Structure formats: C-alpha cells, structure tokens
N, C-alpha and C. Protein backbone atom coordinates (compact mmCIF):
# COMPACT_ATOMS: atom_id res chain seq x y z
N MET A 1 4.07 -19.50 -7.90
CA MET A 1 3.86 -18.51 -7.13
C MET A 1 2.51 -18.12 -7.26
N TRP A 2 1.79 -17.75 -6.16
CA TRP A 2 0.49 -17.24 -6.30
C TRP A 2 0.29 -16.30 -5.23
N VAL A 3 -0.80 -15.22 -5.37
CA VAL A 3 -1.29 -14.42 -4.48
C VAL A 3 -2.44 -14.81 -3.88
N CYS A 4 -2.64 -14.24 -2.47
CA CYS A 4 -3.84 -14.70 -1.76
C CYS A 4 -3.95 -13.77 -0.60
N ARG A 5 -5.20 -13.70 -0.28
CA ARG A 5 -5.72 -12.76 0.97
C ARG A 5 -4.86 -13.29 2.13
N GLU A 6 -4.33 -12.38 2.79
CA GLU A 6 -3.56 -12.78 4.08
C GLU A 6 -4.62 -13.58 4.86
N GLN A 7 -4.15 -14.52 5.57
CA GLN A 7 -4.80 -15.45 6.46
C GLN A 7 -4.04 -15.44 7.87
N PRO A 8 -4.83 -15.62 8.87
CA PRO A 8 -4.20 -15.51 10.34
C PRO A 8 -2.75 -16.10 10.30
N GLY A 9 -2.52 -17.17 9.72
CA GLY A 9 -1.22 -18.03 9.84
C GLY A 9 -0.30 -17.24 9.01
N ASP A 10 -0.68 -16.33 8.18
CA ASP A 10 0.42 -15.44 7.48
C ASP A 10 0.98 -14.27 8.26
N VAL A 11 0.36 -13.84 9.43
CA VAL A 11 0.98 -12.75 9.83
C VAL A 11 2.41 -12.71 10.33
N ALA A 12 3.02 -13.70 10.88
CA ALA A 12 4.51 -13.48 11.02
C ALA A 12 5.29 -13.66 9.80
N GLY A 13 4.77 -14.38 8.84
CA GLY A 13 5.61 -14.59 7.56
C GLY A 13 5.50 -13.04 6.83
N ALA A 14 4.35 -12.29 7.04
CA ALA A 14 4.24 -10.92 6.41
C ALA A 14 5.11 -10.10 7.25
N ARG A 15 5.19 -10.33 8.42
CA ARG A 15 6.04 -9.28 9.35
C ARG A 15 7.49 -9.63 8.86
N ALA A 16 7.82 -10.74 8.79
CA ALA A 16 9.30 -11.18 8.38
C ALA A 16 9.63 -10.52 7.05
N VAL A 17 8.80 -10.78 6.18
CA VAL A 17 9.05 -9.98 4.76
C VAL A 17 9.40 -8.56 4.81
N GLN A 18 8.59 -7.87 5.82
CA GLN A 18 8.86 -6.50 5.76
C GLN A 18 10.28 -6.29 6.38
N VAL A 19 10.60 -6.98 7.45
CA VAL A 19 11.89 -6.82 7.91
C VAL A 19 13.12 -7.00 7.09
N GLU A 20 12.87 -8.18 6.40
CA GLU A 20 13.96 -8.64 5.44
C GLU A 20 13.93 -7.49 4.16
N ALA A 21 12.94 -7.32 3.60
CA ALA A 21 12.76 -6.46 2.39
C ALA A 21 13.47 -4.98 2.79
N PHE A 22 13.41 -4.56 3.99
CA PHE A 22 13.58 -3.16 4.27
C PHE A 22 15.09 -3.20 4.92
N GLY A 23 15.13 -4.40 5.70
CA GLY A 23 16.73 -4.47 6.43
C GLY A 23 16.71 -3.64 7.73
N ARG A 24 15.37 -3.59 8.44
CA ARG A 24 15.04 -2.83 9.48
C ARG A 24 13.56 -3.19 10.03
N GLU A 25 13.18 -2.78 11.29
CA GLU A 25 12.02 -3.12 11.97
C GLU A 25 10.89 -2.07 11.66
N LEU A 26 11.19 -0.89 11.19
CA LEU A 26 10.35 0.29 10.92
C LEU A 26 9.17 -0.37 10.37
N GLU A 27 9.17 -0.84 9.06
CA GLU A 27 7.95 -1.16 8.33
C GLU A 27 7.24 -2.28 9.05
N ALA A 28 7.75 -3.19 9.67
CA ALA A 28 7.18 -4.26 10.40
C ALA A 28 6.38 -3.97 11.53
N SER A 29 6.90 -2.74 12.21
CA SER A 29 6.39 -2.21 13.38
C SER A 29 5.08 -1.44 12.83
N LEU A 30 5.20 -0.87 11.86
CA LEU A 30 4.12 -0.07 11.21
C LEU A 30 3.06 -1.07 10.94
N LEU A 31 3.39 -2.27 10.49
CA LEU A 31 2.28 -3.23 9.98
C LEU A 31 1.71 -3.67 11.15
N ASP A 32 2.28 -3.74 12.40
CA ASP A 32 1.89 -4.34 13.53
C ASP A 32 0.80 -3.20 14.15
N GLU A 33 1.19 -1.90 14.06
CA GLU A 33 0.28 -0.86 14.47
C GLU A 33 -0.91 -0.76 13.71
N LEU A 34 -0.79 -0.85 12.37
CA LEU A 34 -1.82 -0.69 11.45
C LEU A 34 -2.79 -1.99 11.71
N ARG A 35 -2.45 -3.26 11.92
CA ARG A 35 -3.24 -4.27 12.27
C ARG A 35 -4.03 -3.82 13.37
N ALA A 36 -3.62 -3.05 14.45
CA ALA A 36 -4.25 -2.92 15.73
C ALA A 36 -5.19 -1.49 15.50
N SER A 37 -5.16 -0.95 14.45
CA SER A 37 -6.10 0.08 14.34
C SER A 37 -7.08 0.22 13.68
N ASP A 38 -8.17 1.16 13.60
CA ASP A 38 -9.29 1.03 12.80
C ASP A 38 -9.17 1.07 11.32
N ALA A 39 -7.94 1.55 10.94
CA ALA A 39 -7.84 1.57 9.48
C ALA A 39 -7.46 0.31 8.75
N TRP A 40 -7.42 -0.67 9.49
CA TRP A 40 -6.95 -1.90 9.04
C TRP A 40 -8.06 -2.50 8.28
N MET A 41 -7.69 -2.95 6.96
CA MET A 41 -8.69 -3.47 5.84
C MET A 41 -8.32 -5.11 5.52
N PRO A 42 -8.67 -5.77 6.39
CA PRO A 42 -8.13 -7.25 6.21
C PRO A 42 -8.33 -7.79 4.80
N GLU A 43 -9.48 -7.33 4.10
CA GLU A 43 -9.90 -7.70 2.76
C GLU A 43 -8.80 -7.10 1.88
N LEU A 44 -8.09 -6.18 2.15
CA LEU A 44 -7.01 -5.59 1.11
C LEU A 44 -5.45 -5.83 1.68
N SER A 45 -5.29 -7.05 2.42
CA SER A 45 -3.95 -7.28 2.86
C SER A 45 -3.67 -8.81 2.04
N PHE A 46 -2.59 -8.74 1.40
CA PHE A 46 -2.44 -9.82 0.50
C PHE A 46 -0.90 -10.36 0.78
N VAL A 47 -0.75 -11.80 0.49
CA VAL A 47 0.62 -12.17 0.53
C VAL A 47 0.77 -12.87 -0.94
N VAL A 48 2.12 -13.05 -1.15
CA VAL A 48 2.51 -13.77 -2.46
C VAL A 48 3.29 -15.16 -1.84
N ARG A 49 2.97 -15.98 -2.23
CA ARG A 49 3.67 -17.28 -1.77
C ARG A 49 4.53 -17.82 -3.00
N PHE A 50 5.64 -18.44 -2.41
CA PHE A 50 6.54 -18.96 -3.48
C PHE A 50 6.65 -20.39 -2.57
N GLY A 51 6.11 -21.38 -3.20
CA GLY A 51 5.81 -22.85 -2.70
C GLY A 51 5.04 -22.42 -1.46
N VAL A 52 5.57 -22.88 -0.34
CA VAL A 52 4.66 -22.63 1.05
C VAL A 52 5.36 -21.45 1.74
N GLU A 53 6.17 -20.93 1.23
CA GLU A 53 6.74 -19.58 1.87
C GLU A 53 6.14 -18.33 1.54
N VAL A 54 5.68 -17.55 2.39
CA VAL A 54 5.32 -16.27 2.38
C VAL A 54 6.54 -15.41 1.81
N ALA A 55 6.67 -15.09 0.48
CA ALA A 55 7.80 -14.40 -0.03
C ALA A 55 7.29 -12.90 -0.37
N GLY A 56 6.37 -12.41 -0.17
CA GLY A 56 6.01 -10.97 -0.38
C GLY A 56 4.81 -10.66 0.46
N HIS A 57 4.34 -9.43 0.80
CA HIS A 57 3.31 -8.87 1.39
C HIS A 57 2.92 -7.53 0.96
N VAL A 58 1.61 -7.15 0.85
CA VAL A 58 1.22 -5.77 0.80
C VAL A 58 -0.01 -5.41 1.33
N VAL A 59 -0.25 -4.21 1.86
CA VAL A 59 -1.41 -3.83 2.58
C VAL A 59 -1.85 -2.47 2.05
N VAL A 60 -3.25 -2.12 2.06
CA VAL A 60 -3.94 -1.05 1.86
C VAL A 60 -4.64 -0.77 3.04
N THR A 61 -4.59 0.50 3.51
CA THR A 61 -5.37 0.78 4.66
C THR A 61 -6.31 2.08 4.52
N ARG A 62 -7.13 2.34 5.52
CA ARG A 62 -8.22 3.61 5.21
C ARG A 62 -7.14 4.72 5.31
N ALA A 63 -7.49 5.70 4.63
CA ALA A 63 -6.81 7.02 4.47
C ALA A 63 -8.00 8.03 4.12
N HIS A 64 -7.69 9.27 3.99
CA HIS A 64 -8.76 10.25 3.68
C HIS A 64 -8.02 11.37 2.87
N VAL A 65 -8.99 11.95 1.87
CA VAL A 65 -8.42 13.40 1.24
C VAL A 65 -9.55 14.13 1.74
N ASP A 66 -9.02 15.05 2.72
CA ASP A 66 -9.99 15.89 3.47
C ASP A 66 -10.99 14.99 4.02
N ASP A 67 -12.22 14.93 3.60
CA ASP A 67 -13.09 14.21 4.31
C ASP A 67 -13.49 13.00 3.56
N TRP A 68 -13.18 12.87 2.51
CA TRP A 68 -13.33 11.76 1.54
C TRP A 68 -12.37 10.69 1.98
N PRO A 69 -13.11 9.34 2.10
CA PRO A 69 -12.36 8.16 2.22
C PRO A 69 -11.80 7.67 1.17
N VAL A 70 -10.42 7.29 1.22
CA VAL A 70 -9.71 6.83 0.08
C VAL A 70 -8.76 5.66 0.87
N VAL A 71 -7.83 5.14 0.14
CA VAL A 71 -6.89 4.28 0.86
C VAL A 71 -5.55 4.51 0.46
N ALA A 72 -4.79 4.02 1.45
CA ALA A 72 -3.03 4.20 1.36
C ALA A 72 -2.47 2.98 1.17
N LEU A 73 -1.42 2.74 0.30
CA LEU A 73 -0.79 1.46 -0.21
C LEU A 73 0.39 1.54 0.56
N GLY A 74 0.64 0.48 1.49
CA GLY A 74 1.98 0.36 2.08
C GLY A 74 1.99 -0.01 3.53
N PRO A 75 2.99 -0.71 4.04
CA PRO A 75 3.90 -1.11 3.19
C PRO A 75 3.80 -2.30 2.13
N ILE A 76 4.71 -2.35 1.37
CA ILE A 76 4.64 -3.45 0.36
C ILE A 76 6.47 -4.07 0.29
N GLY A 77 6.34 -5.25 0.47
CA GLY A 77 7.66 -5.93 0.54
C GLY A 77 7.88 -7.24 -0.18
N VAL A 78 9.02 -7.57 -0.65
CA VAL A 78 9.30 -8.93 -1.04
C VAL A 78 10.62 -9.37 -0.64
N LEU A 79 10.72 -10.54 -0.20
CA LEU A 79 12.05 -11.04 0.20
C LEU A 79 12.99 -10.80 -0.81
N PRO A 80 14.19 -10.52 -0.27
CA PRO A 80 15.19 -10.21 -1.12
C PRO A 80 15.79 -11.09 -2.10
N ARG A 81 15.68 -12.34 -1.92
CA ARG A 81 16.03 -13.69 -2.74
C ARG A 81 14.99 -13.73 -3.94
N PHE A 82 13.69 -13.18 -3.73
CA PHE A 82 12.75 -13.28 -4.55
C PHE A 82 12.40 -12.07 -5.50
N GLN A 83 13.23 -11.08 -5.23
CA GLN A 83 13.19 -9.82 -5.81
C GLN A 83 13.59 -9.80 -7.41
N GLY A 84 12.91 -9.24 -8.33
CA GLY A 84 13.10 -9.13 -9.49
C GLY A 84 12.46 -10.32 -10.28
N ARG A 85 11.80 -11.07 -9.69
CA ARG A 85 10.83 -12.18 -10.44
C ARG A 85 9.33 -11.91 -10.69
N GLY A 86 8.88 -10.62 -10.46
CA GLY A 86 7.51 -10.04 -10.61
C GLY A 86 6.60 -10.43 -9.52
N LEU A 87 7.27 -10.73 -8.34
CA LEU A 87 6.17 -10.87 -7.18
C LEU A 87 5.69 -9.49 -6.75
N GLY A 88 6.50 -8.44 -6.79
CA GLY A 88 6.03 -7.35 -6.36
C GLY A 88 4.86 -6.77 -7.15
N ALA A 89 4.94 -6.94 -8.56
CA ALA A 89 4.12 -6.53 -9.38
C ALA A 89 2.72 -7.24 -9.61
N ALA A 90 2.93 -8.47 -9.25
CA ALA A 90 1.49 -9.56 -8.88
C ALA A 90 0.95 -8.90 -7.73
N LEU A 91 1.80 -8.38 -6.41
CA LEU A 91 1.02 -7.95 -5.29
C LEU A 91 0.23 -6.55 -5.92
N MET A 92 0.93 -5.76 -6.48
CA MET A 92 0.37 -4.51 -6.90
C MET A 92 -0.83 -4.53 -7.64
N HIS A 93 -0.61 -5.52 -8.69
CA HIS A 93 -2.05 -5.79 -9.34
C HIS A 93 -3.19 -6.28 -8.82
N THR A 94 -2.84 -6.98 -7.85
CA THR A 94 -3.91 -7.75 -6.86
C THR A 94 -4.42 -6.62 -6.02
N VAL A 95 -3.83 -6.13 -5.27
CA VAL A 95 -4.45 -5.13 -4.22
C VAL A 95 -4.90 -4.12 -5.07
N LEU A 96 -4.57 -3.56 -6.07
CA LEU A 96 -5.12 -2.43 -6.89
C LEU A 96 -6.54 -2.95 -7.59
N GLY A 97 -6.56 -4.12 -7.96
CA GLY A 97 -7.75 -4.63 -8.37
C GLY A 97 -8.69 -4.93 -7.31
N ALA A 98 -8.50 -5.40 -6.11
CA ALA A 98 -9.09 -5.55 -5.10
C ALA A 98 -9.75 -4.29 -4.68
N ALA A 99 -9.02 -3.29 -4.32
CA ALA A 99 -9.31 -1.90 -4.09
C ALA A 99 -10.44 -1.51 -4.76
N ASP A 100 -10.26 -1.33 -6.28
CA ASP A 100 -11.33 -1.06 -7.21
C ASP A 100 -12.45 -1.87 -7.21
N ALA A 101 -12.39 -3.19 -6.77
CA ALA A 101 -13.81 -3.87 -7.05
C ALA A 101 -14.40 -3.49 -5.88
N LEU A 102 -13.70 -3.26 -4.62
CA LEU A 102 -14.50 -2.78 -3.49
C LEU A 102 -15.15 -1.33 -3.46
N GLY A 103 -14.69 -0.53 -4.44
CA GLY A 103 -15.38 0.73 -4.88
C GLY A 103 -14.40 1.76 -4.13
N GLU A 104 -13.18 1.56 -3.87
CA GLU A 104 -12.44 2.77 -3.45
C GLU A 104 -12.07 3.47 -4.58
N PRO A 105 -12.27 4.89 -4.26
CA PRO A 105 -12.00 5.71 -5.42
C PRO A 105 -10.48 6.16 -5.79
N LEU A 106 -9.72 5.92 -4.79
CA LEU A 106 -8.17 6.56 -5.14
C LEU A 106 -7.07 5.66 -3.89
N VAL A 107 -5.93 5.59 -4.50
CA VAL A 107 -5.07 4.92 -3.63
C VAL A 107 -3.87 5.80 -3.69
N GLY A 108 -3.35 6.11 -2.54
CA GLY A 108 -2.03 7.08 -2.37
C GLY A 108 -0.94 6.30 -1.74
N LEU A 109 0.23 6.71 -2.15
CA LEU A 109 1.52 6.17 -1.93
C LEU A 109 2.68 7.08 -1.94
N LEU A 110 3.63 6.80 -0.87
CA LEU A 110 4.93 7.67 -0.96
C LEU A 110 5.99 6.73 -1.56
N GLY A 111 6.48 7.23 -2.57
CA GLY A 111 7.46 6.17 -3.44
C GLY A 111 8.20 6.71 -4.44
N ASP A 112 9.03 5.93 -5.20
CA ASP A 112 9.70 6.41 -6.52
C ASP A 112 8.75 6.45 -7.61
N PRO A 113 8.44 7.55 -8.23
CA PRO A 113 7.65 7.67 -9.39
C PRO A 113 8.03 6.88 -10.54
N ARG A 114 9.39 6.65 -10.78
CA ARG A 114 9.78 5.92 -11.86
C ARG A 114 9.37 4.45 -11.70
N PHE A 115 8.99 4.03 -10.44
CA PHE A 115 8.78 2.58 -10.21
C PHE A 115 7.14 2.41 -10.34
N TYR A 116 6.40 3.55 -9.81
CA TYR A 116 5.13 3.13 -9.63
C TYR A 116 4.28 3.68 -11.02
N GLU A 117 4.82 4.43 -11.58
CA GLU A 117 4.10 5.01 -12.95
C GLU A 117 3.57 3.74 -13.66
N ARG A 118 4.33 2.61 -13.85
CA ARG A 118 3.77 1.46 -14.60
C ARG A 118 2.65 0.88 -14.08
N PHE A 119 2.10 1.32 -12.84
CA PHE A 119 1.05 0.82 -12.16
C PHE A 119 -0.08 1.87 -12.26
N GLY A 120 0.10 2.93 -12.97
CA GLY A 120 -0.83 4.06 -13.19
C GLY A 120 -0.89 5.03 -12.14
N PHE A 121 0.19 5.04 -11.46
CA PHE A 121 0.25 6.12 -10.28
C PHE A 121 0.96 7.42 -11.15
N GLU A 122 0.38 8.67 -10.41
CA GLU A 122 0.85 9.89 -10.99
C GLU A 122 1.12 10.85 -9.69
N LEU A 123 1.76 11.67 -9.91
CA LEU A 123 2.05 12.76 -8.85
C LEU A 123 0.69 13.28 -8.19
N GLY A 124 0.60 13.23 -6.81
CA GLY A 124 -0.81 13.74 -6.28
C GLY A 124 -1.00 15.02 -6.76
N ALA A 125 -0.11 16.03 -6.98
CA ALA A 125 -0.42 17.25 -7.13
C ALA A 125 -1.08 17.59 -8.61
N MET A 126 -0.87 16.58 -9.43
CA MET A 126 -1.42 16.70 -10.80
C MET A 126 -3.01 16.46 -10.64
N THR A 127 -3.58 15.74 -9.42
CA THR A 127 -4.76 15.59 -9.38
C THR A 127 -5.31 16.37 -8.20
N HIS A 128 -4.66 17.39 -7.47
CA HIS A 128 -4.92 18.26 -6.53
C HIS A 128 -5.37 17.52 -5.23
N VAL A 129 -4.37 16.15 -5.16
CA VAL A 129 -4.32 15.72 -3.94
C VAL A 129 -2.89 15.76 -3.52
N LEU A 130 -2.58 16.64 -2.13
CA LEU A 130 -1.34 17.02 -1.81
C LEU A 130 -1.03 16.03 -0.58
N PRO A 131 0.29 15.79 -0.42
CA PRO A 131 0.61 14.87 0.59
C PRO A 131 0.66 15.68 2.00
N PRO A 132 0.62 14.80 3.12
CA PRO A 132 0.52 15.61 4.23
C PRO A 132 1.88 16.50 4.76
N ASP A 133 2.71 16.21 3.93
CA ASP A 133 4.05 16.76 4.34
C ASP A 133 4.58 17.36 2.90
N PRO A 134 4.47 18.91 2.65
CA PRO A 134 5.27 19.38 1.52
C PRO A 134 6.59 18.84 1.10
N ASP A 135 7.53 18.43 1.80
CA ASP A 135 8.65 17.76 1.53
C ASP A 135 8.43 16.61 0.52
N TRP A 136 7.36 16.02 0.72
CA TRP A 136 7.00 14.50 -0.07
C TRP A 136 6.43 15.01 -1.54
N LEU A 137 6.20 16.24 -1.89
CA LEU A 137 5.74 16.47 -3.19
C LEU A 137 6.14 15.68 -4.37
N GLN A 138 7.50 15.58 -4.42
CA GLN A 138 7.97 14.77 -5.59
C GLN A 138 7.93 13.25 -5.68
N HIS A 139 7.43 12.83 -4.31
CA HIS A 139 7.53 11.18 -4.07
C HIS A 139 5.96 10.73 -3.90
N PHE A 140 5.11 11.83 -3.65
CA PHE A 140 3.72 11.42 -3.13
C PHE A 140 3.08 11.25 -4.43
N GLN A 141 2.28 10.11 -4.59
CA GLN A 141 1.51 9.67 -5.76
C GLN A 141 0.20 9.08 -5.51
N VAL A 142 -0.85 9.10 -6.58
CA VAL A 142 -2.20 8.59 -6.44
C VAL A 142 -2.54 7.87 -7.65
N ARG A 143 -3.22 6.95 -7.53
CA ARG A 143 -3.77 6.18 -8.59
C ARG A 143 -5.28 6.25 -8.43
N LYS A 144 -5.83 6.83 -9.52
CA LYS A 144 -7.32 6.95 -9.56
C LYS A 144 -7.97 5.50 -9.92
N LEU A 145 -9.05 5.19 -9.30
CA LEU A 145 -9.64 4.07 -9.59
C LEU A 145 -11.06 4.11 -10.09
N ALA A 146 -11.81 3.23 -10.47
CA ALA A 146 -13.09 3.45 -11.15
C ALA A 146 -14.12 4.45 -10.27
N ALA A 147 -14.01 4.44 -9.15
CA ALA A 147 -15.19 5.36 -8.47
C ALA A 147 -14.78 6.59 -8.04
N TYR A 148 -13.47 6.89 -8.81
CA TYR A 148 -12.91 8.22 -8.36
C TYR A 148 -13.73 9.46 -8.97
N GLU A 149 -14.00 10.51 -8.29
CA GLU A 149 -14.72 11.71 -8.69
C GLU A 149 -13.74 12.92 -8.51
N ASP A 150 -13.90 13.64 -9.68
CA ASP A 150 -12.92 14.85 -9.71
C ASP A 150 -12.91 15.82 -8.42
N LYS A 151 -13.96 15.67 -7.61
CA LYS A 151 -14.13 16.63 -6.54
C LYS A 151 -13.32 16.18 -5.19
N ILE A 152 -12.79 14.85 -5.41
CA ILE A 152 -11.93 14.49 -4.52
C ILE A 152 -10.52 15.14 -4.75
N GLN A 153 -10.39 16.26 -3.80
CA GLN A 153 -9.07 17.22 -3.69
C GLN A 153 -8.97 17.64 -2.28
N GLY A 154 -7.60 17.92 -2.13
CA GLY A 154 -7.27 18.24 -0.79
C GLY A 154 -5.75 17.63 -0.10
N THR A 155 -5.92 17.62 0.96
CA THR A 155 -4.56 16.95 1.63
C THR A 155 -4.94 15.45 1.99
N PHE A 156 -4.04 14.65 1.49
CA PHE A 156 -3.94 13.33 1.95
C PHE A 156 -3.76 12.94 3.46
N ARG A 157 -4.47 12.31 4.17
CA ARG A 157 -4.23 12.00 5.48
C ARG A 157 -3.99 10.24 5.68
N TYR A 158 -2.85 10.04 5.92
CA TYR A 158 -2.63 8.62 6.45
C TYR A 158 -3.45 8.16 7.81
N ALA A 159 -3.43 6.96 7.86
CA ALA A 159 -3.90 6.39 9.18
C ALA A 159 -2.87 6.79 10.28
N ALA A 160 -3.42 6.91 11.38
CA ALA A 160 -2.68 7.57 12.61
C ALA A 160 -1.26 6.69 12.89
N PRO A 161 -1.11 5.31 12.74
CA PRO A 161 0.03 4.72 12.95
C PRO A 161 1.21 5.28 11.89
N PHE A 162 1.00 5.92 10.85
CA PHE A 162 1.88 6.52 9.95
C PHE A 162 2.47 7.76 10.61
N ASP A 163 1.90 8.20 11.59
CA ASP A 163 2.58 9.37 12.21
C ASP A 163 3.76 8.96 13.02
N ASN A 164 3.78 7.79 13.35
CA ASN A 164 5.01 7.31 14.36
C ASN A 164 6.30 6.85 13.19
N VAL A 165 6.19 6.92 12.04
CA VAL A 165 7.22 6.69 11.06
C VAL A 165 8.19 7.64 10.89
C-alpha cells in the first residue's frame, strides 16, 4: 500500500471508492461538484493504492470560519474489502500533514468523535468554532494545525457544493 497525490488518471477510481464505501452516489456527486468548484485544492486530494488499484481516497477543500480561510476534510472513503487495514488512517495522516505543511490553520469535519479523536480532532465548540447547522454540534469537529491562532473563532462554512448534500 502507498499513499500519493491524486493524479488525473485517478479520478474515476476515487469516485468509485466513494460510491462503494458509502453504498450510494451522494458522496461521489459531492466529489464531482467539489472538483468543479473554486474550493478544490488538488494538492490536498490523495489516493491510497493497494497494488495498482485505488483503494481509498480523501480530499480537503477550502472552507472558512467567518472570514478566516481554513479547510474541510471530506469525503474520505476506503473500498469495503480494504477496510480495517489502516488505509483510512494512512490517508488521514497524509492529508493532515500536507495541510499543515501548506500552512493551513485548522481542519473541520463532520463525523463520529470516537473515530476522529485519535487524529487530534475535538468538538468544534471547544475551540469556539461552531458548525453551520446547530444540529451538528455533537459531531462537528476541528483539528488545530501549526498555523492556528486563537482568534480563529466563529461559524464554519463549507464550500458551496456541501449545501447540496
């Protein structure tokens, strides 16, 4: 297994991963819309290969906390037959390290806190970063990176394609 930046030839494989991982088209359609948006950050889209097959994919896109530029993680997916082998963790460590190296201050995501706390995420409310929907309070999380400043507070705004989810 190895993780690498997504290349043009990986687009179909990355899309297929999202469909299989979630068992529906929603995340793959979101991925298509993100690619076409100004929030797309190709330097923060990664695949994990198992042999020659794209077995997993993760992307981080531009987001904001009020006027502060930050990033949003997701979708992330691993083909079901490869789950439980550390591919998702490898993708997480890679994309978080890359976002940190690029000087991004904070990563936000919506997910199960029990899963993401191992990657340094905490509930957004603990850092005064609130989700765009109050119903998400118990599942919206952030991870501070090296460029984080305490004044980054307010409401998290995902890229426009997330509004269609």
